[in-house]
Amino acid sequence: MMTHAAYDCDVLVIGGGIVGLSTAYALTRAAPGTRVTVLEKERGPARHQTGRNSGVIHSGIYYRPGSLKARYA
C-alpha cells in the first residue's frame, strides 16, 4: 500500500546510502540551519547496495598525481 507524506524541509535527499547520507551531512555543514530530510525506502540506512560493499571510495587514487583525472576524479 502506498502512503503519501508531506515533508517540511529545505532539501530532500532521496536515498540513505553512503552517497545520500554524505550529501545530507555536507549540506548541513555547508549551510547550518538548512532543514535536510533523507528519504529511504529500506528500514534503515545503508541496507541496500552500500551495505554490500566495503564502503571505500577509491576515486582518483590510481591516477598520476597532478593529472586531470586525478584532479577531477
C-alpha atoms as a PDB file:
ATOM      1  CA  MET A   1       0.000   0.000   0.000  1.00  0.00           C
ATOM      2  CA  MET A   2       1.354   3.393  -0.977  1.00  0.00           C
ATOM      3  CA  THR A   3       1.164   6.180   1.561  1.00  0.00           C
ATOM      4  CA  HIS A   4       1.719   9.851   0.964  1.00  0.00           C
ATOM      5  CA  ALA A   5       3.532  12.146   3.347  1.00  0.00           C
ATOM      6  CA  ALA A   6       4.358  15.830   3.426  1.00  0.00           C
ATOM      7  CA  TYR A   7       7.924  16.891   4.145  1.00  0.00           C
ATOM      8  CA  ASP A   8       8.610  20.346   5.528  1.00  0.00           C
ATOM      9  CA  CYS A   9      12.275  20.741   4.644  1.00  0.00           C
ATOM     10  CA  ASP A  10      14.627  22.854   2.560  1.00  0.00           C
ATOM     11  CA  VAL A  11      16.329  19.893   0.874  1.00  0.00           C
ATOM     12  CA  LEU A  12      15.034  16.364   0.356  1.00  0.00           C
ATOM     13  CA  VAL A  13      17.748  13.767  -0.268  1.00  0.00           C
ATOM     14  CA  ILE A  14      16.455  10.551  -1.793  1.00  0.00           C
ATOM     15  CA  GLY A  15      18.465   7.532  -0.693  1.00  0.00           C
ATOM     16  CA  GLY A  16      20.045   6.664   2.640  1.00  0.00           C
ATOM     17  CA  GLY A  17      23.173   5.027   1.293  1.00  0.00           C
ATOM     18  CA  ILE A  18      26.721   6.376   1.515  1.00  0.00           C
ATOM     19  CA  VAL A  19      26.136   8.986  -1.195  1.00  0.00           C
ATOM     20  CA  GLY A  20      22.785  10.207   0.132  1.00  0.00           C
ATOM     21  CA  LEU A  21      23.936  10.410   3.740  1.00  0.00           C
ATOM     22  CA  SER A  22      27.226  12.072   2.775  1.00  0.00           C
ATOM     23  CA  THR A  23      25.308  14.609   0.713  1.00  0.00           C
ATOM     24  CA  ALA A  24      22.926  15.352   3.578  1.00  0.00           C
ATOM     25  CA  TYR A  25      25.827  15.725   6.010  1.00  0.00           C
ATOM     26  CA  ALA A  26      27.766  18.015   3.653  1.00  0.00           C
ATOM     27  CA  LEU A  27      24.696  20.209   3.145  1.00  0.00           C
ATOM     28  CA  THR A  28      24.213  20.667   6.891  1.00  0.00           C
ATOM     29  CA  ARG A  29      27.901  21.504   7.330  1.00  0.00           C
ATOM     30  CA  ALA A  30      27.954  23.955   4.415  1.00  0.00           C
ATOM     31  CA  ALA A  31      24.712  25.685   5.374  1.00  0.00           C
ATOM     32  CA  PRO A  32      23.950  25.329   9.100  1.00  0.00           C
ATOM     33  CA  GLY A  33      20.253  25.606   9.798  1.00  0.00           C
ATOM     34  CA  THR A  34      19.269  24.018   6.497  1.00  0.00           C
ATOM     35  CA  ARG A  35      16.468  21.546   7.094  1.00  0.00           C
ATOM     36  CA  VAL A  36      17.562  18.358   5.337  1.00  0.00           C
ATOM     37  CA  THR A  37      15.416  15.228   5.184  1.00  0.00           C
ATOM     38  CA  VAL A  38      16.715  11.863   3.940  1.00  0.00           C
ATOM     39  CA  LEU A  39      14.092   9.625   2.351  1.00  0.00           C
ATOM     40  CA  GLU A  40      14.974   5.913   2.317  1.00  0.00           C
ATOM     41  CA  LYS A  41      12.828   3.016   1.104  1.00  0.00           C
ATOM     42  CA  GLU A  42      14.520   0.416   3.312  1.00  0.00           C
ATOM     43  CA  ARG A  43      14.026   0.023   7.073  1.00  0.00           C
ATOM     44  CA  GLY A  44      17.314   1.728   7.864  1.00  0.00           C
ATOM     45  CA  PRO A  45      20.348   3.408   6.325  1.00  0.00           C
ATOM     46  CA  ALA A  46      22.848   1.523   4.159  1.00  0.00           C
ATOM     47  CA  ARG A  47      20.573  -1.506   3.793  1.00  0.00           C
ATOM     48  CA  HIS A  48      20.817  -1.809   0.027  1.00  0.00           C
ATOM     49  CA  GLN A  49      23.946  -1.560  -2.128  1.00  0.00           C
ATOM     50  CA  THR A  50      26.021   0.433   0.373  1.00  0.00           C
ATOM     51  CA  GLY A  51      25.589  -2.353   2.910  1.00  0.00           C
ATOM     52  CA  ARG A  52      27.021  -4.863   0.450  1.00  0.00           C
ATOM     53  CA  ASN A  53      30.321  -3.242  -0.382  1.00  0.00           C
ATOM     54  CA  SER A  54      33.381  -2.168   1.562  1.00  0.00           C
ATOM     55  CA  GLY A  55      32.253   1.471   1.653  1.00  0.00           C
ATOM     56  CA  VAL A  56      35.628   2.665   0.407  1.00  0.00           C
ATOM     57  CA  ILE A  57      35.677   5.403  -2.217  1.00  0.00           C
ATOM     58  CA  HIS A  58      38.695   4.934  -4.488  1.00  0.00           C
ATOM     59  CA  SER A  59      38.136   7.801  -6.878  1.00  0.00           C
ATOM     60  CA  GLY A  60      41.400   9.216  -8.142  1.00  0.00           C
ATOM     61  CA  ILE A  61      43.911   7.080  -6.257  1.00  0.00           C
ATOM     62  CA  TYR A  62      45.100   5.218  -9.352  1.00  0.00           C
ATOM     63  CA  TYR A  63      45.781   8.280 -11.489  1.00  0.00           C
ATOM     64  CA  ARG A  64      49.096  10.043 -11.929  1.00  0.00           C
ATOM     65  CA  PRO A  65      49.369  12.869  -9.351  1.00  0.00           C
ATOM     66  CA  GLY A  66      48.687  16.223 -10.982  1.00  0.00           C
ATOM     67  CA  SER A  67      46.859  14.725 -13.968  1.00  0.00           C
ATOM     68  CA  LEU A  68      43.402  15.969 -14.923  1.00  0.00           C
ATOM     69  CA  LYS A  69      41.919  12.599 -13.986  1.00  0.00           C
ATOM     70  CA  ALA A  70      43.442  12.762 -10.506  1.00  0.00           C
ATOM     71  CA  ARG A  71      42.335  16.350 -10.098  1.00  0.00           C
ATOM     72  CA  TYR A  72      38.711  15.886 -11.118  1.00  0.00           C
ATOM     73  CA  ALA A  73      38.050  12.269 -10.106  1.00  0.00           C
END
